[in-house]
Amino acid sequence: MPRILVRDFTVPGAAIDVNHHVNHLEYLRWMQDIAIEHSAARGWPQERYQAARIAWVVRSHSIEYLRPAFAGDALSLVTWVADLRARSSLRKYLVWRASDRRILAEAGTRWVLVDAGTGRARVIPRELGSSFEVVSDPDEVLRLLGHGGAVSAPAPAKVVDG
């Protein structure tokens, strides 16, 4: 089960905005998609959440855009759980470009676990919390990217266990 998930892809033309670079809404969509993918890889696909009558909702997003991305760029989107509290979790993300090995964006989402019926925050069950390993040192992620994390072509998600 991956502690850190890396998804490699090529920026589609549809992701480009009037400023000729990736639209900020695409980053949010990519972040949500890889969070769902990582959760499933940790044993929690959407069906399991539905059966348990729980769901994650976003309390806050933060994204720092460092450099633009363009159509055709080969990118890697990286995610990991940076902390796990009683009712919430901080998930971190990096977006980086393979051609120049530069970080394009750094992001984080504070997810809150809620009861699917009431929408109220609830304590994360031990079974769920123990399914995720916290990666509290962001340098661990950077070391992974600097030591063989580069991509040469778009590919499905790959697992990095550091």
Protein backbone atom coordinates (compact mmCIF):
# COMPACT_ATOMS: atom_id res chain seq x y z
CA MET A 1 0.00 0.00 0.00
CA PRO A 2 1.56 3.30 -1.08
CA ARG A 3 2.47 5.90 1.52
CA ILE A 4 3.11 8.35 -1.29
CA LEU A 5 1.22 8.12 -4.57
CA VAL A 6 2.59 9.51 -7.84
CA ARG A 7 0.42 9.87 -10.92
CA ASP A 8 2.13 10.76 -14.20
CA PHE A 9 0.14 12.38 -16.99
CA THR A 10 0.30 14.81 -19.90
CA VAL A 11 -1.58 18.10 -19.65
CA PRO A 12 -4.50 18.00 -22.09
CA GLY A 13 -5.37 21.02 -24.21
CA ALA A 14 -8.75 21.23 -22.46
CA ALA A 15 -6.96 22.18 -19.20
CA ILE A 16 -5.63 25.44 -20.67
CA ASP A 17 -7.26 28.78 -19.86
CA VAL A 18 -7.33 32.18 -21.57
CA ASN A 19 -3.86 32.90 -20.19
CA HIS A 20 -2.50 29.91 -22.15
CA HIS A 21 -1.55 27.85 -19.10
CA VAL A 22 -3.31 25.30 -16.90
CA ASN A 23 -6.43 26.72 -15.27
CA HIS A 24 -6.42 26.79 -11.47
CA LEU A 25 -9.61 24.71 -11.34
CA GLU A 26 -7.74 21.85 -13.03
CA TYR A 27 -5.31 21.68 -10.10
CA LEU A 28 -8.25 21.29 -7.70
CA ARG A 29 -9.75 18.52 -9.84
CA TRP A 30 -6.40 16.74 -10.06
CA MET A 31 -5.98 17.01 -6.30
CA GLN A 32 -9.40 15.52 -5.63
CA ASP A 33 -8.88 12.72 -8.14
CA ILE A 34 -5.52 11.64 -6.72
CA ALA A 35 -6.83 11.86 -3.13
CA ILE A 36 -9.61 9.42 -4.08
CA GLU A 37 -7.10 7.21 -5.90
CA HIS A 38 -4.69 7.19 -2.95
CA SER A 39 -7.49 6.38 -0.50
CA ALA A 40 -8.58 3.45 -2.67
CA ALA A 41 -4.98 2.22 -2.84
CA ARG A 42 -4.92 2.31 0.99
CA GLY A 43 -7.97 0.04 1.07
CA TRP A 44 -10.71 2.67 1.16
CA PRO A 45 -12.47 2.89 -2.22
CA GLN A 46 -15.66 4.95 -2.42
CA GLU A 47 -17.83 1.87 -1.92
CA ARG A 48 -16.23 1.19 1.46
CA TYR A 49 -16.92 4.73 2.63
CA GLN A 50 -20.53 4.38 1.46
CA ALA A 51 -20.94 1.10 3.34
CA ALA A 52 -19.53 2.73 6.49
CA ARG A 53 -21.82 5.77 5.95
CA ILE A 54 -18.92 8.20 6.18
CA ALA A 55 -17.36 10.66 3.74
CA TRP A 56 -14.50 13.13 3.52
CA VAL A 57 -15.37 16.77 2.83
CA VAL A 58 -13.03 19.68 2.22
CA ARG A 59 -12.59 22.23 4.98
CA SER A 60 -9.88 24.18 3.15
CA HIS A 61 -7.52 24.12 0.17
CA SER A 62 -4.28 25.99 -0.24
CA ILE A 63 -2.32 26.07 -3.47
CA GLU A 64 0.88 27.96 -4.15
CA TYR A 65 1.50 28.24 -7.88
CA LEU A 66 5.23 28.50 -8.46
CA ARG A 67 5.46 28.10 -12.23
CA PRO A 68 2.89 27.65 -15.02
CA ALA A 69 2.12 24.36 -16.75
CA PHE A 70 1.21 24.16 -20.43
CA ALA A 71 -0.58 21.82 -22.82
CA GLY A 72 1.57 18.82 -23.58
CA ASP A 73 3.71 19.08 -20.43
CA ALA A 74 4.49 15.72 -18.84
CA LEU A 75 3.65 16.22 -15.15
CA SER A 76 3.73 14.19 -11.98
CA LEU A 77 1.13 14.76 -9.31
CA VAL A 78 2.26 13.52 -5.90
CA THR A 79 0.15 13.12 -2.75
CA TRP A 80 0.54 11.91 0.82
CA VAL A 81 -1.14 12.27 4.21
CA ALA A 82 0.80 14.84 6.25
CA ASP A 83 -1.21 14.60 9.46
CA LEU A 84 -4.15 12.70 10.90
CA ARG A 85 -6.17 14.30 13.69
CA ALA A 86 -9.26 13.08 15.55
CA ARG A 87 -11.71 14.33 12.90
CA SER A 88 -9.57 15.59 10.05
CA SER A 89 -6.55 14.93 7.89
CA LEU A 90 -4.12 17.17 6.05
CA ARG A 91 -3.24 15.85 2.62
CA LYS A 92 -0.32 17.43 0.76
CA TYR A 93 0.33 17.58 -2.97
CA LEU A 94 3.17 18.50 -5.30
CA VAL A 95 2.92 19.06 -9.04
CA TRP A 96 6.17 18.83 -10.90
CA ARG A 97 7.29 18.83 -14.54
CA ALA A 98 9.44 15.98 -15.78
CA SER A 99 11.32 17.92 -18.46
CA ASP A 100 13.02 20.35 -16.09
CA ARG A 101 12.30 18.55 -12.78
CA ARG A 102 10.80 21.75 -11.35
CA ILE A 103 8.01 21.95 -8.80
CA LEU A 104 5.12 23.85 -10.36
CA ALA A 105 2.74 23.91 -7.40
CA GLU A 106 2.60 22.95 -3.73
CA ALA A 107 -0.79 22.35 -2.18
CA GLY A 108 -2.66 21.04 0.80
CA THR A 109 -6.23 20.10 1.64
CA ARG A 110 -7.70 19.80 5.12
CA TRP A 111 -10.25 16.97 4.81
CA VAL A 112 -12.86 16.44 7.55
CA LEU A 113 -14.59 13.11 8.08
CA VAL A 114 -18.37 13.42 8.29
CA ASP A 115 -21.33 11.17 8.92
CA ALA A 116 -22.89 10.61 5.48
CA GLY A 117 -26.39 10.86 6.89
CA THR A 118 -26.07 14.00 8.97
CA GLY A 119 -23.09 15.77 7.41
CA ARG A 120 -21.68 16.34 10.89
CA ALA A 121 -17.99 15.86 11.65
CA ARG A 122 -17.19 12.61 13.39
CA VAL A 123 -14.18 10.93 14.94
CA ILE A 124 -12.10 8.98 12.44
CA PRO A 125 -12.63 5.27 13.20
CA ARG A 126 -9.48 3.39 14.20
CA GLU A 127 -9.91 1.07 11.19
CA LEU A 128 -9.78 4.06 8.82
CA GLY A 129 -7.03 5.99 10.62
CA SER A 130 -4.74 2.98 10.79
CA SER A 131 -5.03 2.54 7.02
CA PHE A 132 -2.99 5.69 6.38
CA GLU A 133 0.66 6.27 7.22
CA VAL A 134 1.53 9.87 7.96
CA VAL A 135 4.47 11.29 6.01
CA SER A 136 5.38 14.28 8.16
CA ASP A 137 8.73 15.07 6.52
CA PRO A 138 8.23 16.80 3.14
CA ASP A 139 11.93 16.23 2.42
CA GLU A 140 11.13 12.52 2.14
CA VAL A 141 8.90 13.30 -0.83
CA LEU A 142 11.52 15.57 -2.40
CA ARG A 143 14.19 12.89 -1.98
CA LEU A 144 11.92 10.44 -3.79
CA LEU A 145 11.48 12.85 -6.66
CA GLY A 146 15.20 13.58 -6.81
CA HIS A 147 16.20 9.92 -6.83
CA GLY A 148 14.49 8.21 -9.74
CA GLY A 149 11.11 9.94 -9.50
CA ALA A 150 11.31 11.46 -12.98
CA VAL A 151 8.91 10.38 -15.67
CA SER A 152 9.65 10.07 -19.33
CA ALA A 153 6.14 9.39 -20.63
CA PRO A 154 2.57 9.52 -19.37
CA ALA A 155 1.66 6.42 -17.37
CA PRO A 156 -0.95 5.18 -14.97
CA ALA A 157 -0.41 5.77 -11.27
CA LYS A 158 2.68 4.25 -9.78
CA VAL A 159 3.31 3.38 -6.18
CA VAL A 160 6.29 4.73 -4.27
CA ASP A 161 6.85 3.18 -0.85
CA GLY A 162 9.97 5.13 0.09
